[in-house]
């Protein structure tokens, strides 16, 4: 049973039902893009406790977790996806700091919908294959609660 509803939003507040998380990212020149994600309890009368977030990339049989490479860094990185960093912040611009395993504690009690912003920072020249249209196709946003 899913107890958290996750929805992508556009900058104007409307909901986005497109297939991709980020529409376009300049991996050659470097880029910084973001996406607003709404988190809401699936059942309105029941609050969700201890909401957590992590990013995982599944490539063939391997699983790559995005983790901070420096202590107290808010950037989530993976050695498999060199040059790409993610970070999460609330709608007011306060950055969440992940633990050493890349897990971010978002909120203790999710009573009403909240917006969080997922940022992707691409370093210059982080692309290897110019013919690829989709660079990270198996990126999974994992959000769960107790």
Protein backbone atom coordinates (compact mmCIF):
# COMPACT_ATOMS: atom_id res chain seq x y z
CA UNK A 1 0.00 0.00 0.00
CA UNK A 2 1.41 3.36 -0.98
CA UNK A 3 0.89 6.01 1.65
CA UNK A 4 2.63 8.90 -0.15
CA UNK A 5 1.46 10.48 -3.42
CA UNK A 6 4.30 11.91 -5.57
CA UNK A 7 3.55 14.37 -8.38
CA UNK A 8 5.81 16.47 -10.61
CA UNK A 9 4.93 20.13 -10.90
CA UNK A 10 5.82 22.93 -13.30
CA UNK A 11 7.18 26.26 -12.09
CA UNK A 12 3.72 27.83 -12.44
CA UNK A 13 2.23 25.28 -10.01
CA UNK A 14 0.45 23.13 -12.60
CA UNK A 15 1.00 19.38 -12.58
CA UNK A 16 3.37 17.80 -15.10
CA UNK A 17 2.50 14.35 -16.44
CA UNK A 18 5.33 14.07 -18.98
CA UNK A 19 7.53 10.97 -19.15
CA UNK A 20 10.81 12.58 -18.11
CA UNK A 21 11.85 14.17 -14.86
CA UNK A 22 13.98 16.84 -16.59
CA UNK A 23 13.08 17.94 -20.12
CA UNK A 24 16.54 19.00 -21.26
CA UNK A 25 19.96 19.29 -19.65
CA UNK A 26 23.09 20.68 -21.33
CA UNK A 27 25.69 18.08 -20.42
CA UNK A 28 28.34 19.54 -22.71
CA UNK A 29 28.30 23.15 -21.59
CA UNK A 30 27.22 22.42 -18.02
CA UNK A 31 23.77 23.10 -16.61
CA UNK A 32 21.70 23.52 -13.46
CA UNK A 33 18.05 22.48 -13.73
CA UNK A 34 15.39 21.82 -11.13
CA UNK A 35 12.04 20.11 -10.77
CA UNK A 36 9.35 20.76 -8.16
CA UNK A 37 7.93 17.57 -6.64
CA UNK A 38 4.78 17.54 -4.54
CA UNK A 39 4.59 15.02 -1.70
CA UNK A 40 1.19 14.38 -0.17
CA UNK A 41 -0.40 11.77 2.07
CA UNK A 42 -2.35 9.29 -0.06
CA UNK A 43 -5.14 9.17 2.53
CA UNK A 44 -6.19 12.64 3.68
CA UNK A 45 -7.20 11.62 7.22
CA UNK A 46 -4.01 9.71 8.00
CA UNK A 47 -0.70 11.57 8.48
CA UNK A 48 2.47 9.96 7.18
CA UNK A 49 5.37 9.78 9.61
CA UNK A 50 9.13 10.09 8.98
CA UNK A 51 9.24 10.68 5.23
CA UNK A 52 12.65 9.85 3.69
CA UNK A 53 14.18 10.35 0.23
CA UNK A 54 17.04 8.79 -1.76
CA UNK A 55 18.22 8.53 -5.37
CA UNK A 56 19.19 5.21 -6.94
CA UNK A 57 20.31 4.33 -10.46
CA UNK A 58 19.74 0.80 -11.71
CA UNK A 59 22.06 -0.21 -14.57
CA UNK A 60 21.70 -3.80 -15.76
CA UNK A 61 22.25 -5.90 -12.61
CA UNK A 62 23.96 -3.15 -10.59
CA UNK A 63 22.42 -0.61 -8.24
CA UNK A 64 24.21 2.72 -7.73
CA UNK A 65 23.14 4.88 -4.79
CA UNK A 66 23.76 8.60 -4.93
CA UNK A 67 25.65 9.58 -1.76
CA UNK A 68 27.53 12.64 -0.51
CA UNK A 69 31.25 12.43 -1.29
CA UNK A 70 32.21 14.98 1.38
CA UNK A 71 31.10 15.15 5.01
CA UNK A 72 28.16 17.51 5.56
CA UNK A 73 27.71 18.06 1.81
CA UNK A 74 24.21 18.35 0.45
CA UNK A 75 25.25 17.09 -3.02
CA UNK A 76 24.34 13.50 -3.93
CA UNK A 77 26.76 11.91 -6.39
CA UNK A 78 27.49 8.50 -7.91
CA UNK A 79 30.77 7.26 -9.35
CA UNK A 80 28.79 5.66 -12.19
CA UNK A 81 27.36 9.03 -13.33
CA UNK A 82 30.44 11.25 -13.24
CA UNK A 83 29.83 14.99 -13.49
CA UNK A 84 26.21 14.83 -12.30
CA UNK A 85 25.18 15.99 -8.83
CA UNK A 86 21.77 16.25 -7.24
CA UNK A 87 20.51 18.07 -4.18
CA UNK A 88 17.14 18.53 -2.57
CA UNK A 89 15.72 21.66 -0.98
CA UNK A 90 12.41 22.81 0.39
CA UNK A 91 10.31 25.39 -1.43
CA UNK A 92 11.94 28.19 0.63
CA UNK A 93 15.44 27.32 -0.59
CA UNK A 94 16.66 25.47 2.54
CA UNK A 95 18.88 22.58 1.41
CA UNK A 96 18.43 19.15 2.96
CA UNK A 97 21.64 17.45 4.13
CA UNK A 98 21.71 13.69 3.48
CA UNK A 99 23.30 11.18 5.80
CA UNK A 100 26.39 9.21 4.71
CA UNK A 101 24.16 6.68 2.88
CA UNK A 102 22.45 9.38 0.81
CA UNK A 103 19.16 9.29 2.74
CA UNK A 104 17.42 12.61 3.31
CA UNK A 105 14.89 13.07 6.12
CA UNK A 106 12.25 15.34 4.59
CA UNK A 107 9.61 15.70 7.29
CA UNK A 108 8.56 13.93 10.49
CA UNK A 109 4.80 14.34 9.94
CA UNK A 110 3.38 14.77 6.44
CA UNK A 111 -0.12 16.05 7.11
CA UNK A 112 -0.74 18.15 3.99
CA UNK A 113 0.96 18.38 0.58
CA UNK A 114 4.42 19.92 0.55
CA UNK A 115 6.68 20.89 -2.33
CA UNK A 116 10.35 19.97 -2.51
CA UNK A 117 12.73 20.92 -5.29
CA UNK A 118 15.16 18.42 -6.83
CA UNK A 119 18.17 20.08 -8.46
CA UNK A 120 20.48 18.54 -11.05
CA UNK A 121 23.88 20.16 -11.51
CA UNK A 122 25.80 18.93 -14.56
CA UNK A 123 29.49 19.77 -14.82
CA UNK A 124 30.85 20.98 -18.13
CA UNK A 125 31.84 18.14 -20.49
CA UNK A 126 30.05 15.50 -18.42
CA UNK A 127 28.65 13.79 -21.53
CA UNK A 128 30.59 10.98 -23.20
CA UNK A 129 28.23 9.89 -25.99
CA UNK A 130 26.73 12.79 -27.98
CA UNK A 131 24.20 10.51 -29.68
CA UNK A 132 22.38 9.59 -26.47
CA UNK A 133 19.08 11.36 -25.97
CA UNK A 134 18.47 9.81 -22.55
CA UNK A 135 21.47 9.84 -20.22
CA UNK A 136 20.03 8.48 -16.98
CA UNK A 137 17.08 6.32 -17.88
CA UNK A 138 16.93 4.21 -14.74
CA UNK A 139 17.09 6.93 -12.10
CA UNK A 140 14.69 6.11 -9.30
CA UNK A 141 13.49 8.56 -6.71
CA UNK A 142 12.75 6.51 -3.62
CA UNK A 143 10.44 8.07 -1.06
CA UNK A 144 9.21 6.07 1.89
CA UNK A 145 7.97 6.41 5.46
CA UNK A 146 7.70 4.38 8.63
